[in-house]
């Protein structure tokens, strides 16, 4: 009985969490601000690429595509757009001139710095209403969530298997 109550509780709380995340998204993400400079409008995929490049540094395209989890052609098109915007540059490898690597340009690094400042301001606005002990608790919980979060693909595959069992009329775990 306790297991059933625990399951229902986590379902309710998951719904609450999604509601809070939706509210944050509506308040902080949806009201788009005009780009500060022409060419700094970036799609979600371009932002993911910039974040990956910031952490990876100079990298070859195949590794970059693998890290992003997209086909090489998709990664190449994303990099092409970022090169046109002046945020990324292609560099020939010093060891093998046939190999082309990509890295953040100076303009891209400046863009990342400005973006990081905005994100830090947003984080401060989230933490400001909390007391110091609430902030510590919140950060401890966020750390635990970040360490244990599962990629969507793992969650979807598990949900798909459960849906198949239900569809086949079997509610048992085999």
N, C-alpha and C. Protein backbone atom coordinates (compact mmCIF):
# COMPACT_ATOMS: atom_id res chain seq x y z
N UNK A 1 0.81 -1.20 0.00
CA UNK A 1 0.00 0.00 0.00
C UNK A 1 0.86 1.26 0.00
N UNK A 2 1.94 1.24 0.82
CA UNK A 2 2.82 2.41 0.87
C UNK A 2 3.46 2.67 -0.48
N UNK A 3 3.82 1.58 -1.21
CA UNK A 3 4.43 1.73 -2.53
C UNK A 3 3.47 2.42 -3.48
N UNK A 4 2.18 2.04 -3.42
CA UNK A 4 1.18 2.66 -4.27
C UNK A 4 1.04 4.15 -3.93
N UNK A 5 1.01 4.49 -2.63
CA UNK A 5 0.91 5.88 -2.21
C UNK A 5 2.13 6.67 -2.65
N UNK A 6 3.32 6.05 -2.52
CA UNK A 6 4.55 6.72 -2.93
C UNK A 6 4.51 7.01 -4.43
N UNK A 7 4.03 6.03 -5.22
CA UNK A 7 3.93 6.21 -6.67
C UNK A 7 2.99 7.33 -7.03
N UNK A 8 1.83 7.38 -6.36
CA UNK A 8 0.86 8.45 -6.62
C UNK A 8 1.43 9.80 -6.21
N UNK A 9 2.16 9.83 -5.11
CA UNK A 9 2.75 11.07 -4.62
C UNK A 9 3.77 11.61 -5.62
N UNK A 10 4.62 10.73 -6.13
CA UNK A 10 5.64 11.20 -7.09
C UNK A 10 4.99 11.62 -8.40
N UNK A 11 3.88 10.99 -8.78
CA UNK A 11 3.16 11.43 -9.99
C UNK A 11 2.61 12.84 -9.78
N UNK A 12 2.00 13.08 -8.62
CA UNK A 12 1.45 14.40 -8.32
C UNK A 12 2.57 15.45 -8.28
N UNK A 13 3.66 15.09 -7.61
CA UNK A 13 4.77 16.02 -7.48
C UNK A 13 5.46 16.27 -8.82
N UNK A 14 5.51 15.26 -9.67
CA UNK A 14 6.08 15.45 -11.01
C UNK A 14 5.24 16.46 -11.79
N UNK A 15 3.93 16.35 -11.64
CA UNK A 15 3.03 17.32 -12.28
C UNK A 15 3.25 18.72 -11.75
N UNK A 16 3.43 18.83 -10.43
CA UNK A 16 3.73 20.14 -9.82
C UNK A 16 5.03 20.71 -10.37
N UNK A 17 6.06 19.87 -10.42
CA UNK A 17 7.36 20.32 -10.92
C UNK A 17 7.24 20.82 -12.35
N UNK A 18 6.53 20.08 -13.20
CA UNK A 18 6.35 20.52 -14.58
C UNK A 18 5.60 21.85 -14.64
N UNK A 19 4.64 22.02 -13.77
CA UNK A 19 3.91 23.30 -13.72
C UNK A 19 4.84 24.45 -13.35
N UNK A 20 5.70 24.22 -12.36
CA UNK A 20 6.65 25.26 -11.96
C UNK A 20 7.64 25.56 -13.09
N UNK A 21 8.13 24.51 -13.74
CA UNK A 21 9.07 24.71 -14.85
C UNK A 21 8.40 25.45 -16.01
N UNK A 22 7.13 25.11 -16.29
CA UNK A 22 6.39 25.83 -17.33
C UNK A 22 6.25 27.30 -16.98
N UNK A 23 5.95 27.59 -15.70
CA UNK A 23 5.81 28.98 -15.26
C UNK A 23 7.14 29.72 -15.41
N UNK A 24 8.25 29.07 -15.02
CA UNK A 24 9.57 29.69 -15.19
C UNK A 24 9.84 29.95 -16.66
N UNK A 25 9.53 28.98 -17.49
CA UNK A 25 9.75 29.12 -18.93
C UNK A 25 8.97 30.31 -19.47
N UNK A 26 7.71 30.41 -19.10
CA UNK A 26 6.88 31.52 -19.58
C UNK A 26 7.40 32.87 -19.10
N UNK A 27 7.84 32.93 -17.86
CA UNK A 27 8.30 34.21 -17.29
C UNK A 27 9.68 34.63 -17.77
N UNK A 28 10.56 33.65 -17.97
CA UNK A 28 11.96 34.00 -18.21
C UNK A 28 12.45 33.73 -19.63
N UNK A 29 11.88 32.79 -20.28
CA UNK A 29 12.40 32.39 -21.59
C UNK A 29 11.57 32.96 -22.73
N UNK A 30 10.27 32.88 -22.63
CA UNK A 30 9.42 33.29 -23.74
C UNK A 30 9.51 34.77 -24.10
N UNK A 31 9.58 35.68 -23.12
CA UNK A 31 9.70 37.09 -23.51
C UNK A 31 11.07 37.35 -24.11
N UNK A 32 11.19 37.17 -25.41
CA UNK A 32 12.48 37.32 -26.08
C UNK A 32 12.88 38.78 -26.10
N UNK A 33 14.14 38.99 -25.85
CA UNK A 33 14.67 40.34 -25.91
C UNK A 33 15.36 40.49 -27.27
N UNK A 34 15.30 41.69 -27.82
CA UNK A 34 15.97 41.88 -29.11
C UNK A 34 17.46 41.62 -28.99
N UNK A 35 18.03 41.10 -30.07
CA UNK A 35 19.47 40.82 -30.07
C UNK A 35 20.23 42.11 -29.87
N UNK A 36 21.31 42.02 -29.12
CA UNK A 36 22.10 43.22 -28.85
C UNK A 36 22.90 43.64 -30.08
N UNK A 37 23.28 42.67 -30.89
CA UNK A 37 24.02 42.95 -32.11
C UNK A 37 23.43 42.13 -33.23
N UNK A 38 23.46 42.62 -34.45
CA UNK A 38 22.99 41.81 -35.56
C UNK A 38 23.82 40.52 -35.64
N UNK A 39 23.15 39.42 -35.95
CA UNK A 39 23.85 38.15 -36.09
C UNK A 39 23.93 37.36 -34.81
N UNK A 40 23.44 37.91 -33.70
CA UNK A 40 23.50 37.18 -32.43
C UNK A 40 22.23 36.42 -32.13
N UNK A 41 21.27 36.45 -33.01
CA UNK A 41 20.08 35.61 -32.85
C UNK A 41 20.51 34.18 -33.09
N UNK A 42 20.30 33.31 -32.11
CA UNK A 42 20.72 31.92 -32.23
C UNK A 42 19.55 31.00 -31.96
N UNK A 43 19.47 29.93 -32.76
CA UNK A 43 18.46 28.91 -32.53
C UNK A 43 18.87 28.07 -31.32
N UNK A 44 17.95 27.25 -30.87
CA UNK A 44 18.25 26.38 -29.73
C UNK A 44 19.40 25.44 -30.08
N UNK A 45 19.41 24.91 -31.29
CA UNK A 45 20.49 24.01 -31.71
C UNK A 45 21.83 24.74 -31.76
N UNK A 46 21.82 25.99 -32.22
CA UNK A 46 23.05 26.78 -32.24
C UNK A 46 23.54 27.06 -30.82
N UNK A 47 22.61 27.34 -29.90
CA UNK A 47 23.01 27.57 -28.51
C UNK A 47 23.62 26.30 -27.92
N UNK A 48 23.02 25.14 -28.21
CA UNK A 48 23.59 23.87 -27.73
C UNK A 48 24.99 23.69 -28.27
N UNK A 49 25.17 24.03 -29.55
CA UNK A 49 26.49 23.89 -30.18
C UNK A 49 27.51 24.81 -29.51
N UNK A 50 27.11 26.03 -29.21
CA UNK A 50 28.02 26.98 -28.56
C UNK A 50 28.40 26.50 -27.16
N UNK A 51 27.44 25.96 -26.45
CA UNK A 51 27.72 25.44 -25.10
C UNK A 51 28.70 24.28 -25.19
N UNK A 52 28.49 23.39 -26.16
CA UNK A 52 29.40 22.25 -26.34
C UNK A 52 30.80 22.73 -26.69
N UNK A 53 30.88 23.69 -27.59
CA UNK A 53 32.20 24.21 -27.99
C UNK A 53 32.90 24.91 -26.84
N UNK A 54 32.14 25.62 -26.02
CA UNK A 54 32.74 26.30 -24.87
C UNK A 54 33.41 25.29 -23.95
N UNK A 55 32.73 24.17 -23.71
CA UNK A 55 33.30 23.18 -22.79
C UNK A 55 34.35 22.29 -23.46
N UNK A 56 34.21 22.03 -24.76
CA UNK A 56 35.14 21.13 -25.45
C UNK A 56 36.39 21.84 -25.93
N UNK A 57 36.28 23.12 -26.22
CA UNK A 57 37.41 23.82 -26.83
C UNK A 57 37.50 23.42 -28.30
N UNK A 58 38.68 23.46 -28.85
CA UNK A 58 38.87 23.10 -30.25
C UNK A 58 38.61 21.61 -30.43
N UNK A 59 37.79 21.25 -31.43
CA UNK A 59 37.42 19.86 -31.64
C UNK A 59 37.20 19.58 -33.12
N UNK A 60 37.31 18.30 -33.49
CA UNK A 60 37.02 17.92 -34.88
C UNK A 60 35.52 17.69 -35.02
N UNK A 61 35.02 17.83 -36.22
CA UNK A 61 33.59 17.78 -36.47
C UNK A 61 32.95 16.45 -36.07
N UNK A 62 33.62 15.33 -36.33
CA UNK A 62 33.01 14.04 -35.98
C UNK A 62 32.81 13.93 -34.48
N UNK A 63 33.79 14.36 -33.70
CA UNK A 63 33.64 14.33 -32.24
C UNK A 63 32.54 15.30 -31.79
N UNK A 64 32.51 16.46 -32.42
CA UNK A 64 31.51 17.46 -32.09
C UNK A 64 30.10 16.93 -32.35
N UNK A 65 29.90 16.32 -33.52
CA UNK A 65 28.58 15.75 -33.87
C UNK A 65 28.19 14.66 -32.88
N UNK A 66 29.14 13.82 -32.51
CA UNK A 66 28.88 12.75 -31.54
C UNK A 66 28.48 13.34 -30.20
N UNK A 67 29.22 14.34 -29.74
CA UNK A 67 28.90 14.98 -28.45
C UNK A 67 27.51 15.61 -28.46
N UNK A 68 27.13 16.20 -29.60
CA UNK A 68 25.80 16.81 -29.72
C UNK A 68 24.70 15.76 -29.91
N UNK A 69 25.10 14.56 -30.35
CA UNK A 69 24.11 13.51 -30.60
C UNK A 69 23.32 13.74 -31.87
N UNK A 70 23.98 14.32 -32.87
CA UNK A 70 23.32 14.59 -34.16
C UNK A 70 24.19 14.04 -35.28
N UNK A 71 23.60 13.82 -36.47
CA UNK A 71 24.41 13.39 -37.61
C UNK A 71 25.45 14.46 -37.98
N UNK A 72 26.53 14.02 -38.60
CA UNK A 72 27.60 14.94 -39.00
C UNK A 72 27.06 16.06 -39.89
N UNK A 73 26.14 15.74 -40.80
CA UNK A 73 25.60 16.77 -41.69
C UNK A 73 24.85 17.85 -40.91
N UNK A 74 24.12 17.47 -39.87
CA UNK A 74 23.41 18.45 -39.04
C UNK A 74 24.40 19.33 -38.30
N UNK A 75 25.43 18.71 -37.73
CA UNK A 75 26.45 19.48 -37.02
C UNK A 75 27.14 20.44 -37.97
N UNK A 76 27.42 20.00 -39.18
CA UNK A 76 28.09 20.85 -40.18
C UNK A 76 27.23 22.05 -40.53
N UNK A 77 25.93 21.83 -40.73
CA UNK A 77 25.03 22.95 -41.05
C UNK A 77 24.95 23.94 -39.89
N UNK A 78 24.92 23.42 -38.67
CA UNK A 78 24.88 24.30 -37.49
C UNK A 78 26.15 25.13 -37.41
N UNK A 79 27.29 24.49 -37.61
CA UNK A 79 28.58 25.21 -37.58
C UNK A 79 28.64 26.23 -38.71
N UNK A 80 28.15 25.87 -39.90
CA UNK A 80 28.13 26.82 -41.02
C UNK A 80 27.40 28.10 -40.62
N UNK A 81 26.24 27.96 -39.97
CA UNK A 81 25.47 29.15 -39.56
C UNK A 81 26.25 29.96 -38.52
N UNK A 82 26.90 29.27 -37.59
CA UNK A 82 27.65 29.97 -36.55
C UNK A 82 28.90 30.65 -37.11
N UNK A 83 29.50 30.05 -38.13
CA UNK A 83 30.65 30.69 -38.80
C UNK A 83 30.19 31.96 -39.50
N UNK A 84 29.03 31.90 -40.19
CA UNK A 84 28.50 33.09 -40.87
C UNK A 84 28.21 34.22 -39.87
N UNK A 85 27.81 33.85 -38.67
CA UNK A 85 27.53 34.85 -37.64
C UNK A 85 28.79 35.34 -36.95
N UNK A 86 29.91 34.71 -37.26
CA UNK A 86 31.19 35.12 -36.67
C UNK A 86 31.41 34.61 -35.26
N UNK A 87 30.62 33.63 -34.82
CA UNK A 87 30.72 33.12 -33.46
C UNK A 87 31.66 31.92 -33.35
N UNK A 88 31.91 31.27 -34.45
CA UNK A 88 32.74 30.06 -34.50
C UNK A 88 33.68 30.20 -35.68
N UNK A 89 34.83 29.54 -35.59
CA UNK A 89 35.75 29.54 -36.73
C UNK A 89 36.27 28.12 -36.96
N UNK A 90 36.60 27.87 -38.21
CA UNK A 90 37.23 26.61 -38.58
C UNK A 90 38.74 26.82 -38.61
N UNK A 91 39.48 25.81 -38.12
CA UNK A 91 40.93 25.90 -38.04
C UNK A 91 41.51 24.59 -38.54
N UNK A 92 42.51 24.67 -39.39
CA UNK A 92 43.21 23.46 -39.85
C UNK A 92 44.09 22.92 -38.72
N UNK A 93 44.09 21.62 -38.58
CA UNK A 93 44.92 20.97 -37.57
C UNK A 93 46.38 21.20 -37.89
N UNK A 94 47.16 21.46 -36.88
CA UNK A 94 48.59 21.66 -37.08
C UNK A 94 49.30 20.33 -37.33
N UNK A 95 48.75 19.23 -36.80
CA UNK A 95 49.35 17.91 -36.99
C UNK A 95 49.01 17.32 -38.35
N UNK A 96 47.78 17.53 -38.82
CA UNK A 96 47.34 16.97 -40.10
C UNK A 96 46.50 18.02 -40.80
N UNK A 97 47.06 18.66 -41.80
CA UNK A 97 46.41 19.77 -42.49
C UNK A 97 45.09 19.39 -43.15
N UNK A 98 44.84 18.08 -43.32
CA UNK A 98 43.57 17.65 -43.92
C UNK A 98 42.42 17.74 -42.92
N UNK A 99 42.74 17.75 -41.65
CA UNK A 99 41.72 17.77 -40.59
C UNK A 99 41.34 19.21 -40.28
N UNK A 100 40.03 19.46 -40.28
CA UNK A 100 39.51 20.78 -39.93
C UNK A 100 38.86 20.68 -38.56
N UNK A 101 39.25 21.59 -37.70
CA UNK A 101 38.68 21.66 -36.35
C UNK A 101 37.84 22.92 -36.24
N UNK A 102 36.94 22.93 -35.25
CA UNK A 102 36.12 24.12 -35.00
C UNK A 102 36.34 24.57 -33.57
N UNK A 103 36.26 25.87 -33.37
CA UNK A 103 36.37 26.44 -32.03
C UNK A 103 35.65 27.78 -32.00
N UNK A 104 35.44 28.29 -30.79
CA UNK A 104 34.80 29.58 -30.62
C UNK A 104 35.73 30.67 -31.15
N UNK A 105 35.13 31.65 -31.83
CA UNK A 105 35.90 32.83 -32.24
C UNK A 105 35.95 33.80 -31.06
N UNK A 106 36.71 34.86 -31.21
CA UNK A 106 36.75 35.89 -30.15
C UNK A 106 35.35 36.46 -29.94
N UNK A 107 34.66 36.71 -31.03
CA UNK A 107 33.29 37.24 -30.94
C UNK A 107 32.38 36.23 -30.23
N UNK A 108 32.57 34.95 -30.52
CA UNK A 108 31.79 33.90 -29.86
C UNK A 108 32.07 33.83 -28.38
N UNK A 109 33.33 33.99 -28.00
CA UNK A 109 33.70 33.99 -26.58
C UNK A 109 33.07 35.19 -25.87
N UNK A 110 33.07 36.35 -26.54
CA UNK A 110 32.44 37.54 -25.96
C UNK A 110 30.93 37.34 -25.81
N UNK A 111 30.32 36.72 -26.82
CA UNK A 111 28.89 36.41 -26.77
C UNK A 111 28.60 35.48 -25.60
N UNK A 112 29.43 34.45 -25.43
CA UNK A 112 29.25 33.50 -24.33
C UNK A 112 29.39 34.21 -22.97
N UNK A 113 30.34 35.13 -22.87
CA UNK A 113 30.53 35.88 -21.62
C UNK A 113 29.30 36.71 -21.31
N UNK A 114 28.76 37.39 -22.32
CA UNK A 114 27.55 38.20 -22.12
C UNK A 114 26.36 37.31 -21.75
N UNK A 115 26.26 36.17 -22.41
CA UNK A 115 25.18 35.24 -22.12
C UNK A 115 25.30 34.70 -20.70
N UNK A 116 26.52 34.39 -20.30
CA UNK A 116 26.76 33.89 -18.95
C UNK A 116 26.36 34.94 -17.91
N UNK A 117 26.64 36.20 -18.18
CA UNK A 117 26.25 37.28 -17.26
C UNK A 117 24.73 37.34 -17.11
N UNK A 118 24.02 37.21 -18.23
CA UNK A 118 22.55 37.21 -18.17
C UNK A 118 22.04 36.01 -17.39
N UNK A 119 22.66 34.85 -17.60
CA UNK A 119 22.24 33.64 -16.89
C UNK A 119 22.51 33.77 -15.39
N UNK A 120 23.63 34.37 -15.04
CA UNK A 120 23.93 34.58 -13.62
C UNK A 120 22.92 35.54 -12.99
N UNK A 121 22.52 36.56 -13.71
CA UNK A 121 21.50 37.49 -13.20
C UNK A 121 20.18 36.75 -13.01
N UNK A 122 19.85 35.87 -13.95
CA UNK A 122 18.63 35.08 -13.82
C UNK A 122 18.71 34.17 -12.60
N UNK A 123 19.85 33.53 -12.39
CA UNK A 123 20.03 32.65 -11.24
C UNK A 123 19.89 33.45 -9.93
N UNK A 124 20.46 34.63 -9.90
CA UNK A 124 20.32 35.47 -8.71
C UNK A 124 18.85 35.81 -8.44
N UNK A 125 18.09 36.07 -9.52
CA UNK A 125 16.67 36.39 -9.34
C UNK A 125 15.90 35.20 -8.81
N UNK A 126 16.34 33.99 -9.12
CA UNK A 126 15.68 32.80 -8.59
C UNK A 126 16.00 32.61 -7.11
N UNK A 127 17.24 32.91 -6.75
CA UNK A 127 17.69 32.67 -5.37
C UNK A 127 17.31 33.80 -4.42
N UNK A 128 17.14 35.00 -4.92
CA UNK A 128 16.90 36.17 -4.08
C UNK A 128 15.71 36.03 -3.13
N UNK A 129 14.58 35.46 -3.55
CA UNK A 129 13.45 35.37 -2.63
C UNK A 129 13.65 34.35 -1.49
N UNK A 130 14.68 33.52 -1.59
CA UNK A 130 14.92 32.48 -0.59
C UNK A 130 15.81 32.96 0.53
N UNK A 131 15.61 32.40 1.70
CA UNK A 131 16.50 32.69 2.82
C UNK A 131 17.83 31.98 2.57
N UNK A 132 18.89 32.37 3.28
CA UNK A 132 20.18 31.68 3.09
C UNK A 132 20.09 30.16 3.27
N UNK A 133 19.35 29.69 4.27
CA UNK A 133 19.24 28.24 4.46
C UNK A 133 18.41 27.59 3.35
N UNK A 134 17.38 28.29 2.86
CA UNK A 134 16.59 27.76 1.74
C UNK A 134 17.45 27.68 0.48
N UNK A 135 18.31 28.68 0.28
CA UNK A 135 19.21 28.63 -0.88
C UNK A 135 20.13 27.43 -0.80
N UNK A 136 20.69 27.17 0.39
CA UNK A 136 21.57 26.01 0.56
C UNK A 136 20.82 24.72 0.27
N UNK A 137 19.60 24.60 0.80
CA UNK A 137 18.79 23.41 0.56
C UNK A 137 18.47 23.25 -0.93
N UNK A 138 18.07 24.37 -1.54
CA UNK A 138 17.73 24.34 -2.97
C UNK A 138 18.93 23.89 -3.80
N UNK A 139 20.10 24.47 -3.53
CA UNK A 139 21.30 24.12 -4.29
C UNK A 139 21.71 22.66 -4.06
N UNK A 140 21.55 22.19 -2.85
CA UNK A 140 21.85 20.79 -2.55
C UNK A 140 20.92 19.87 -3.34
N UNK A 141 19.64 20.22 -3.37
CA UNK A 141 18.67 19.42 -4.12
C UNK A 141 18.93 19.49 -5.63
N UNK A 142 19.25 20.67 -6.13
CA UNK A 142 19.55 20.81 -7.56
C UNK A 142 20.77 19.99 -7.94
N UNK A 143 21.76 19.94 -7.06
CA UNK A 143 22.94 19.13 -7.30
C UNK A 143 22.57 17.65 -7.41
N UNK A 144 21.72 17.21 -6.52
CA UNK A 144 21.28 15.81 -6.53
C UNK A 144 20.50 15.50 -7.81
N UNK A 145 19.64 16.42 -8.21
CA UNK A 145 18.87 16.24 -9.44
C UNK A 145 19.81 16.18 -10.64
N UNK A 146 20.75 17.13 -10.71
CA UNK A 146 21.68 17.18 -11.85
C UNK A 146 22.52 15.92 -11.94
N UNK A 147 22.94 15.39 -10.81
CA UNK A 147 23.77 14.18 -10.81
C UNK A 147 22.99 12.93 -11.21
N UNK A 148 21.70 12.91 -10.96
CA UNK A 148 20.92 11.70 -11.18
C UNK A 148 19.91 11.79 -12.31
N UNK A 149 19.83 12.93 -12.97
CA UNK A 149 18.87 13.08 -14.06
C UNK A 149 19.19 12.11 -15.19
N UNK A 150 18.16 11.53 -15.76
CA UNK A 150 18.33 10.60 -16.87
C UNK A 150 18.00 11.29 -18.19
N UNK A 151 18.73 10.95 -19.25
CA UNK A 151 18.39 11.52 -20.56
C UNK A 151 17.00 11.07 -20.98
N UNK A 152 16.35 11.89 -21.78
CA UNK A 152 15.00 11.59 -22.24
C UNK A 152 14.92 10.23 -22.90
N UNK A 153 15.94 9.85 -23.64
CA UNK A 153 15.91 8.57 -24.36
C UNK A 153 15.76 7.40 -23.40
N UNK A 154 16.38 7.46 -22.22
CA UNK A 154 16.25 6.37 -21.25
C UNK A 154 14.85 6.34 -20.65
N UNK A 155 14.29 7.50 -20.43
CA UNK A 155 12.95 7.57 -19.85
C UNK A 155 11.91 7.12 -20.86
N UNK A 156 12.03 7.58 -22.10
CA UNK A 156 11.07 7.24 -23.14
C UNK A 156 11.09 5.75 -23.42
N UNK A 157 12.28 5.13 -23.47
CA UNK A 157 12.34 3.70 -23.77
C UNK A 157 11.67 2.89 -22.66
N UNK A 158 11.83 3.30 -21.41
CA UNK A 158 11.16 2.62 -20.30
C UNK A 158 9.65 2.80 -20.37
N UNK A 159 9.20 4.00 -20.70
CA UNK A 159 7.78 4.28 -20.80
C UNK A 159 7.18 3.51 -21.97
N UNK A 160 7.93 3.39 -23.07
CA UNK A 160 7.45 2.66 -24.23
C UNK A 160 7.28 1.18 -23.90
N UNK A 161 8.22 0.61 -23.15
CA UNK A 161 8.12 -0.80 -22.76
C UNK A 161 6.89 -1.02 -21.88
N UNK A 162 6.65 -0.11 -20.95
CA UNK A 162 5.47 -0.23 -20.08
C UNK A 162 4.19 -0.11 -20.90
N UNK A 163 4.16 0.80 -21.87
CA UNK A 163 2.99 0.95 -22.72
C UNK A 163 2.75 -0.31 -23.54
N UNK A 164 3.82 -0.94 -24.02
CA UNK A 164 3.68 -2.20 -24.77
C UNK A 164 3.08 -3.29 -23.90
N UNK A 165 3.54 -3.39 -22.64
CA UNK A 165 3.01 -4.41 -21.74
C UNK A 165 1.52 -4.19 -21.52
N UNK A 166 1.12 -2.93 -21.33
CA UNK A 166 -0.29 -2.62 -21.12
C UNK A 166 -1.09 -2.97 -22.37
N UNK A 167 -0.56 -2.62 -23.54
CA UNK A 167 -1.25 -2.89 -24.79
C UNK A 167 -1.42 -4.39 -25.03
N UNK A 168 -0.46 -5.16 -24.56
CA UNK A 168 -0.54 -6.62 -24.73
C UNK A 168 -1.37 -7.27 -23.63
N UNK A 169 -1.87 -6.46 -22.71
CA UNK A 169 -2.72 -6.99 -21.65
C UNK A 169 -1.95 -7.57 -20.49
N UNK A 170 -0.67 -7.30 -20.43
CA UNK A 170 0.16 -7.81 -19.35
C UNK A 170 0.61 -6.65 -18.49
N UNK A 171 0.19 -6.66 -17.25
CA UNK A 171 0.59 -5.60 -16.35
C UNK A 171 1.72 -6.04 -15.43
N UNK A 172 2.18 -7.26 -15.64
CA UNK A 172 3.24 -7.78 -14.77
C UNK A 172 4.59 -7.46 -15.36
N UNK A 173 5.57 -7.44 -14.51
CA UNK A 173 6.96 -7.24 -14.94
C UNK A 173 7.56 -8.60 -15.20
N UNK A 174 7.92 -8.90 -16.42
CA UNK A 174 8.50 -10.20 -16.75
C UNK A 174 9.98 -10.13 -16.81
